[in-house]
Amino acid sequence: MTTKIALAAAFLLSTAGLVQAQAPSADCTEAGMTKMQSQIDAMTDENQTAQKTAAMADMEKAKSAMQANDMDDCKAHMEKAMQSVMPG
């Protein structure tokens, strides 16, 4: 019984790690910016026009904040852009 509980716990922890690793992050680096811009560019559905516009605006603000070395503001705008790209 204890072995089954331990195996179940290990499975849940490993699954949670995979989900967390796959979740996008608001990474204020050139790589993070490039990845987010690619996701925004991939928004081609006409029903996503408002979300794409909002995401692009937040990306511009994030880029400006990054250039000003304001990483807190950069991260906040990257997170808003992510919410526009992946609502829910």
N, C-alpha and C. Protein backbone atom coordinates (compact mmCIF):
# COMPACT_ATOMS: atom_id res chain seq x y z
N MET A 1 0.82 -1.19 0.00
CA MET A 1 0.00 0.00 0.00
C MET A 1 0.87 1.26 0.00
N THR A 2 1.88 1.29 0.84
CA THR A 2 2.78 2.43 0.91
C THR A 2 3.53 2.61 -0.40
N THR A 3 3.89 1.52 -1.04
CA THR A 3 4.59 1.58 -2.32
C THR A 3 3.70 2.21 -3.38
N LYS A 4 2.42 1.84 -3.38
CA LYS A 4 1.49 2.41 -4.36
C LYS A 4 1.32 3.91 -4.15
N ILE A 5 1.26 4.32 -2.91
CA ILE A 5 1.12 5.75 -2.61
C ILE A 5 2.38 6.50 -3.05
N ALA A 6 3.53 5.92 -2.77
CA ALA A 6 4.79 6.55 -3.16
C ALA A 6 4.90 6.65 -4.69
N LEU A 7 4.50 5.59 -5.39
CA LEU A 7 4.54 5.62 -6.85
C LEU A 7 3.56 6.65 -7.41
N ALA A 8 2.38 6.73 -6.82
CA ALA A 8 1.40 7.71 -7.27
C ALA A 8 1.91 9.12 -7.04
N ALA A 9 2.51 9.36 -5.90
CA ALA A 9 3.06 10.69 -5.59
C ALA A 9 4.19 11.04 -6.56
N ALA A 10 5.05 10.08 -6.84
CA ALA A 10 6.15 10.32 -7.77
C ALA A 10 5.62 10.64 -9.16
N PHE A 11 4.59 9.92 -9.58
CA PHE A 11 3.98 10.16 -10.88
C PHE A 11 3.39 11.57 -10.95
N LEU A 12 2.66 11.95 -9.91
CA LEU A 12 2.04 13.28 -9.90
C LEU A 12 3.09 14.39 -9.91
N LEU A 13 4.16 14.20 -9.17
CA LEU A 13 5.22 15.21 -9.15
C LEU A 13 5.91 15.31 -10.50
N SER A 14 6.16 14.18 -11.14
CA SER A 14 6.82 14.22 -12.44
C SER A 14 5.89 14.83 -13.49
N THR A 15 4.61 14.55 -13.41
CA THR A 15 3.65 15.13 -14.35
C THR A 15 3.55 16.63 -14.13
N ALA A 16 3.52 17.06 -12.90
CA ALA A 16 3.46 18.50 -12.60
C ALA A 16 4.70 19.20 -13.14
N GLY A 17 5.84 18.55 -13.03
CA GLY A 17 7.08 19.11 -13.57
C GLY A 17 7.03 19.26 -15.07
N LEU A 18 6.44 18.29 -15.76
CA LEU A 18 6.32 18.37 -17.21
C LEU A 18 5.39 19.49 -17.63
N VAL A 19 4.28 19.62 -16.92
CA VAL A 19 3.33 20.69 -17.25
C VAL A 19 3.99 22.04 -17.01
N GLN A 20 4.71 22.18 -15.93
CA GLN A 20 5.37 23.43 -15.64
C GLN A 20 6.45 23.72 -16.68
N ALA A 21 7.17 22.70 -17.12
CA ALA A 21 8.22 22.91 -18.11
C ALA A 21 7.63 23.32 -19.45
N GLN A 22 6.42 22.86 -19.77
CA GLN A 22 5.80 23.20 -21.03
C GLN A 22 5.09 24.54 -20.99
N ALA A 23 4.77 25.02 -19.81
CA ALA A 23 4.07 26.29 -19.69
C ALA A 23 5.00 27.42 -20.11
N PRO A 24 4.51 28.34 -20.90
CA PRO A 24 5.35 29.46 -21.31
C PRO A 24 5.67 30.35 -20.13
N SER A 25 6.77 31.01 -20.21
CA SER A 25 7.13 31.91 -19.12
C SER A 25 7.35 33.31 -19.68
N ALA A 26 7.19 34.27 -18.83
CA ALA A 26 7.42 35.66 -19.22
C ALA A 26 8.90 35.95 -19.04
N ASP A 27 9.69 35.47 -19.97
CA ASP A 27 11.13 35.55 -19.89
C ASP A 27 11.62 36.80 -20.62
N CYS A 28 12.11 37.77 -19.89
CA CYS A 28 12.57 39.03 -20.48
C CYS A 28 14.02 38.89 -20.95
N THR A 29 14.19 38.03 -21.93
CA THR A 29 15.48 37.86 -22.60
C THR A 29 15.22 37.95 -24.09
N GLU A 30 16.27 38.06 -24.88
CA GLU A 30 16.09 38.08 -26.33
C GLU A 30 15.40 36.81 -26.80
N ALA A 31 15.79 35.68 -26.22
CA ALA A 31 15.17 34.40 -26.60
C ALA A 31 13.69 34.38 -26.23
N GLY A 32 13.35 34.87 -25.05
CA GLY A 32 11.97 34.92 -24.61
C GLY A 32 11.14 35.85 -25.49
N MET A 33 11.73 36.98 -25.84
CA MET A 33 11.04 37.94 -26.72
C MET A 33 10.80 37.33 -28.10
N THR A 34 11.82 36.66 -28.61
CA THR A 34 11.70 36.04 -29.94
C THR A 34 10.63 34.96 -29.94
N LYS A 35 10.60 34.15 -28.89
CA LYS A 35 9.60 33.09 -28.80
C LYS A 35 8.19 33.67 -28.72
N MET A 36 8.03 34.69 -27.91
CA MET A 36 6.71 35.30 -27.77
C MET A 36 6.28 35.95 -29.09
N GLN A 37 7.23 36.62 -29.77
CA GLN A 37 6.90 37.25 -31.04
C GLN A 37 6.48 36.20 -32.07
N SER A 38 7.12 35.05 -32.05
CA SER A 38 6.74 33.96 -32.95
C SER A 38 5.33 33.48 -32.67
N GLN A 39 4.98 33.39 -31.39
CA GLN A 39 3.63 32.97 -31.02
C GLN A 39 2.59 34.00 -31.46
N ILE A 40 2.93 35.26 -31.33
CA ILE A 40 2.02 36.31 -31.76
C ILE A 40 1.86 36.27 -33.29
N ASP A 41 2.96 36.12 -33.99
CA ASP A 41 2.92 36.06 -35.45
C ASP A 41 2.09 34.87 -35.94
N ALA A 42 2.04 33.81 -35.15
CA ALA A 42 1.29 32.61 -35.53
C ALA A 42 -0.21 32.79 -35.34
N MET A 43 -0.64 33.88 -34.75
CA MET A 43 -2.06 34.13 -34.54
C MET A 43 -2.66 34.64 -35.86
N THR A 44 -3.19 33.73 -36.66
CA THR A 44 -3.70 34.10 -37.97
C THR A 44 -5.22 34.04 -38.06
N ASP A 45 -5.86 33.55 -37.04
CA ASP A 45 -7.32 33.44 -37.04
C ASP A 45 -7.92 34.85 -36.97
N GLU A 46 -8.86 35.14 -37.85
CA GLU A 46 -9.50 36.46 -37.86
C GLU A 46 -10.21 36.77 -36.55
N ASN A 47 -10.62 35.75 -35.82
CA ASN A 47 -11.28 35.94 -34.53
C ASN A 47 -10.31 36.37 -33.44
N GLN A 48 -9.01 36.33 -33.72
CA GLN A 48 -7.99 36.68 -32.72
C GLN A 48 -7.39 38.06 -32.96
N THR A 49 -7.98 38.85 -33.82
CA THR A 49 -7.41 40.14 -34.17
C THR A 49 -7.21 41.03 -32.94
N ALA A 50 -8.21 41.12 -32.08
CA ALA A 50 -8.10 41.97 -30.89
C ALA A 50 -7.01 41.47 -29.95
N GLN A 51 -6.96 40.14 -29.77
CA GLN A 51 -5.94 39.57 -28.89
C GLN A 51 -4.53 39.80 -29.46
N LYS A 52 -4.40 39.65 -30.78
CA LYS A 52 -3.10 39.84 -31.42
C LYS A 52 -2.66 41.30 -31.28
N THR A 53 -3.58 42.23 -31.49
CA THR A 53 -3.25 43.64 -31.35
C THR A 53 -2.81 43.96 -29.93
N ALA A 54 -3.52 43.43 -28.95
CA ALA A 54 -3.16 43.65 -27.55
C ALA A 54 -1.80 43.05 -27.23
N ALA A 55 -1.56 41.84 -27.73
CA ALA A 55 -0.27 41.17 -27.48
C ALA A 55 0.87 41.96 -28.10
N MET A 56 0.67 42.47 -29.32
CA MET A 56 1.72 43.25 -29.98
C MET A 56 2.02 44.53 -29.21
N ALA A 57 0.97 45.18 -28.70
CA ALA A 57 1.18 46.40 -27.91
C ALA A 57 1.96 46.09 -26.64
N ASP A 58 1.61 45.01 -25.98
CA ASP A 58 2.34 44.64 -24.76
C ASP A 58 3.78 44.24 -25.06
N MET A 59 4.00 43.62 -26.20
CA MET A 59 5.38 43.27 -26.57
C MET A 59 6.22 44.52 -26.79
N GLU A 60 5.65 45.53 -27.42
CA GLU A 60 6.37 46.79 -27.62
C GLU A 60 6.73 47.42 -26.27
N LYS A 61 5.77 47.39 -25.34
CA LYS A 61 6.02 47.94 -24.00
C LYS A 61 7.07 47.12 -23.28
N ALA A 62 7.04 45.80 -23.45
CA ALA A 62 8.03 44.92 -22.82
C ALA A 62 9.42 45.21 -23.38
N LYS A 63 9.51 45.40 -24.69
CA LYS A 63 10.81 45.70 -25.32
C LYS A 63 11.36 47.02 -24.80
N SER A 64 10.49 48.03 -24.68
CA SER A 64 10.93 49.33 -24.16
C SER A 64 11.41 49.20 -22.72
N ALA A 65 10.66 48.45 -21.93
CA ALA A 65 11.05 48.25 -20.52
C ALA A 65 12.38 47.50 -20.43
N MET A 66 12.57 46.52 -21.30
CA MET A 66 13.82 45.76 -21.29
C MET A 66 15.00 46.67 -21.65
N GLN A 67 14.81 47.54 -22.64
CA GLN A 67 15.86 48.47 -23.02
C GLN A 67 16.17 49.46 -21.89
N ALA A 68 15.15 49.79 -21.09
CA ALA A 68 15.34 50.69 -19.96
C ALA A 68 15.84 49.93 -18.73
N ASN A 69 16.05 48.62 -18.88
CA ASN A 69 16.53 47.75 -17.81
C ASN A 69 15.53 47.68 -16.64
N ASP A 70 14.25 47.81 -16.95
CA ASP A 70 13.18 47.69 -15.96
C ASP A 70 12.56 46.30 -16.12
N MET A 71 13.19 45.31 -15.53
CA MET A 71 12.78 43.92 -15.73
C MET A 71 11.42 43.60 -15.11
N ASP A 72 11.04 44.28 -14.05
CA ASP A 72 9.73 44.04 -13.47
C ASP A 72 8.62 44.47 -14.44
N ASP A 73 8.79 45.64 -15.03
CA ASP A 73 7.81 46.13 -16.01
C ASP A 73 7.83 45.25 -17.26
N CYS A 74 9.01 44.85 -17.68
CA CYS A 74 9.14 43.97 -18.84
C CYS A 74 8.38 42.67 -18.61
N LYS A 75 8.60 42.07 -17.46
CA LYS A 75 7.93 40.81 -17.15
C LYS A 75 6.41 40.99 -17.09
N ALA A 76 5.96 42.10 -16.53
CA ALA A 76 4.52 42.35 -16.43
C ALA A 76 3.89 42.44 -17.82
N HIS A 77 4.57 43.11 -18.74
CA HIS A 77 4.02 43.23 -20.10
C HIS A 77 4.14 41.92 -20.86
N MET A 78 5.18 41.16 -20.61
CA MET A 78 5.30 39.84 -21.25
C MET A 78 4.18 38.93 -20.77
N GLU A 79 3.86 38.99 -19.49
CA GLU A 79 2.77 38.18 -18.96
C GLU A 79 1.43 38.58 -19.58
N LYS A 80 1.22 39.89 -19.76
CA LYS A 80 -0.02 40.34 -20.41
C LYS A 80 -0.07 39.86 -21.85
N ALA A 81 1.06 39.91 -22.54
CA ALA A 81 1.11 39.43 -23.92
C ALA A 81 0.78 37.93 -23.97
N MET A 82 1.32 37.18 -23.01
CA MET A 82 1.05 35.73 -22.95
C MET A 82 -0.44 35.49 -22.75
N GLN A 83 -1.08 36.27 -21.91
CA GLN A 83 -2.51 36.10 -21.66
C GLN A 83 -3.31 36.36 -22.93
N SER A 84 -2.85 37.29 -23.75
CA SER A 84 -3.53 37.56 -25.01
C SER A 84 -3.33 36.42 -26.01
N VAL A 85 -2.14 35.84 -26.00
CA VAL A 85 -1.83 34.75 -26.92
C VAL A 85 -2.54 33.48 -26.51
N MET A 86 -2.58 33.21 -25.20
CA MET A 86 -3.16 31.97 -24.69
C MET A 86 -4.21 32.29 -23.64
N PRO A 87 -5.35 32.83 -24.05
CA PRO A 87 -6.38 33.14 -23.05
C PRO A 87 -6.93 31.88 -22.40
N GLY A 88 -7.37 32.04 -21.20
CA GLY A 88 -8.00 30.91 -20.54
C GLY A 88 -7.45 30.72 -19.23
